[in-house]
N, C-alpha and C. Protein backbone atom coordinates (compact mmCIF):
# COMPACT_ATOMS: atom_id res chain seq x y z
N MET A 1 4.88 -1.32 -3.20
CA MET A 1 4.77 -2.56 -3.01
C MET A 1 3.29 -2.51 -3.35
N GLU A 2 2.95 -3.79 -4.51
CA GLU A 2 1.61 -4.13 -5.02
C GLU A 2 1.50 -5.61 -4.59
N ARG A 3 0.33 -5.62 -3.69
CA ARG A 3 -0.07 -6.97 -3.35
C ARG A 3 -1.11 -7.62 -4.42
N LEU A 4 -1.34 -9.00 -4.50
CA LEU A 4 -2.14 -9.60 -5.32
C LEU A 4 -3.83 -8.94 -4.58
N ILE A 5 -3.57 -9.06 -3.23
CA ILE A 5 -5.00 -8.91 -2.52
C ILE A 5 -5.58 -7.78 -2.93
N TYR A 6 -4.99 -6.62 -3.17
CA TYR A 6 -5.34 -5.59 -3.57
C TYR A 6 -6.12 -5.40 -4.58
N SER A 7 -6.41 -6.17 -5.59
CA SER A 7 -7.03 -6.20 -7.02
C SER A 7 -8.57 -7.01 -6.29
N ASP A 8 -8.28 -7.70 -5.53
CA ASP A 8 -9.51 -8.28 -4.87
C ASP A 8 -10.58 -7.43 -4.04
N LEU A 9 -9.37 -6.54 -3.49
CA LEU A 9 -10.26 -5.62 -2.62
C LEU A 9 -10.98 -4.51 -3.50
N LEU A 10 -10.38 -4.19 -4.67
CA LEU A 10 -11.26 -3.33 -5.46
C LEU A 10 -12.26 -3.94 -6.05
N LYS A 11 -12.57 -5.19 -6.35
CA LYS A 11 -13.62 -5.97 -7.00
C LYS A 11 -14.58 -5.81 -5.79
N TRP A 12 -14.18 -6.14 -4.51
CA TRP A 12 -15.03 -6.12 -3.61
C TRP A 12 -15.78 -5.10 -3.26
N GLU A 13 -14.82 -3.68 -3.72
CA GLU A 13 -15.41 -2.26 -3.61
C GLU A 13 -16.19 -1.94 -4.72
N HIS A 14 -16.22 -2.64 -6.00
CA HIS A 14 -17.14 -2.03 -6.98
C HIS A 14 -18.21 -2.99 -6.96
N ASN A 15 -18.33 -3.86 -6.42
CA ASN A 15 -19.64 -5.02 -6.44
C ASN A 15 -20.70 -4.40 -5.71
N ALA A 16 -22.00 -4.23 -6.52
CA ALA A 16 -23.02 -3.61 -5.90
C ALA A 16 -23.74 -4.45 -4.76
N ASN A 17 -23.60 -5.63 -4.86
CA ASN A 17 -24.07 -6.72 -4.09
C ASN A 17 -23.06 -7.34 -2.72
N ARG A 18 -21.97 -6.33 -2.28
CA ARG A 18 -21.12 -6.70 -1.66
C ARG A 18 -21.61 -6.69 -0.56
N LYS A 19 -21.06 -7.96 0.38
CA LYS A 19 -21.17 -8.22 1.97
C LYS A 19 -19.91 -7.51 2.89
N PRO A 20 -19.96 -7.43 4.07
CA PRO A 20 -19.20 -6.91 4.65
C PRO A 20 -17.97 -7.66 4.74
N LEU A 21 -16.72 -6.86 4.79
CA LEU A 21 -15.53 -7.29 4.58
C LEU A 21 -14.72 -8.19 5.56
N ILE A 22 -14.46 -9.05 5.73
CA ILE A 22 -13.85 -9.85 6.80
C ILE A 22 -12.64 -10.73 5.82
N LEU A 23 -11.57 -10.17 7.05
CA LEU A 23 -10.08 -10.48 6.53
C LEU A 23 -9.45 -11.41 7.16
N ASN A 24 -9.27 -12.80 6.73
CA ASN A 24 -8.76 -13.55 7.80
C ASN A 24 -7.36 -14.04 7.46
N GLY A 25 -6.43 -14.62 8.01
CA GLY A 25 -5.31 -15.05 7.64
C GLY A 25 -4.33 -15.35 8.83
N ALA A 26 -3.16 -15.76 8.70
CA ALA A 26 -2.10 -16.01 9.68
C ALA A 26 -1.68 -14.73 10.33
N ARG A 27 -0.80 -14.85 11.24
CA ARG A 27 -0.30 -13.93 11.95
C ARG A 27 0.78 -12.93 11.07
N GLN A 28 0.64 -11.67 11.36
CA GLN A 28 2.13 -11.21 10.77
C GLN A 28 2.31 -11.30 9.31
N VAL A 29 1.15 -11.33 8.56
CA VAL A 29 1.37 -11.55 7.17
C VAL A 29 0.90 -10.20 6.10
N GLY A 30 0.62 -8.94 7.21
CA GLY A 30 0.25 -7.88 6.41
C GLY A 30 -1.20 -7.62 6.27
N LYS A 31 -2.25 -8.09 6.89
CA LYS A 31 -3.53 -7.79 6.86
C LYS A 31 -3.85 -6.45 7.40
N THR A 32 -3.38 -6.08 8.58
CA THR A 32 -3.56 -4.48 8.75
C THR A 32 -3.04 -3.54 7.62
N TRP A 33 -1.72 -3.63 7.56
CA TRP A 33 -1.35 -2.74 6.22
C TRP A 33 -1.94 -2.98 5.10
N ILE A 34 -2.03 -3.89 4.49
CA ILE A 34 -2.95 -3.84 3.34
C ILE A 34 -4.39 -2.65 3.36
N LEU A 35 -5.18 -3.18 4.47
CA LEU A 35 -6.22 -2.36 5.16
C LEU A 35 -6.27 -1.04 4.96
N LYS A 36 -5.16 -0.81 5.75
CA LYS A 36 -4.95 0.49 5.94
C LYS A 36 -4.53 1.15 4.55
N GLU A 37 -3.78 0.78 3.84
CA GLU A 37 -3.30 1.33 2.27
C GLU A 37 -4.50 1.19 1.19
N PHE A 38 -5.33 0.38 1.45
CA PHE A 38 -6.40 0.44 0.75
C PHE A 38 -7.34 1.45 1.10
N GLY A 39 -7.76 1.74 2.57
CA GLY A 39 -8.62 3.00 2.89
C GLY A 39 -7.62 4.30 2.38
N ARG A 40 -6.37 4.34 2.50
CA ARG A 40 -5.61 5.46 2.03
C ARG A 40 -6.05 6.02 0.78
N ARG A 41 -5.81 4.69 0.12
CA ARG A 41 -5.77 5.10 -1.53
C ARG A 41 -7.08 5.15 -1.87
N GLU A 42 -8.17 4.70 -1.74
CA GLU A 42 -9.65 4.46 -2.06
C GLU A 42 -10.53 5.61 -1.44
N TYR A 43 -10.27 5.95 -0.09
CA TYR A 43 -11.22 6.73 0.42
C TYR A 43 -10.42 8.13 0.84
N GLU A 44 -11.30 9.11 1.06
CA GLU A 44 -10.75 10.18 1.51
C GLU A 44 -10.71 10.24 3.04
N LYS A 45 -11.47 9.69 3.68
CA LYS A 45 -11.56 9.52 5.36
C LYS A 45 -11.53 8.10 5.68
N THR A 46 -10.90 7.58 6.57
CA THR A 46 -10.80 6.35 7.05
C THR A 46 -10.73 6.49 8.59
N ALA A 47 -11.32 5.28 9.26
CA ALA A 47 -11.21 5.13 10.95
C ALA A 47 -9.96 4.37 10.80
């Protein structure tokens, strides 16, 4: 499943002047899932 926010996360990752990522939103909308998926796809190691 591809989420619209994933493209925003990719833009954030490739921005040279990026700031720390803060993800706000309502309860139970997939915030944790999208961050885990982003980490799994884009990085070798995640915490």
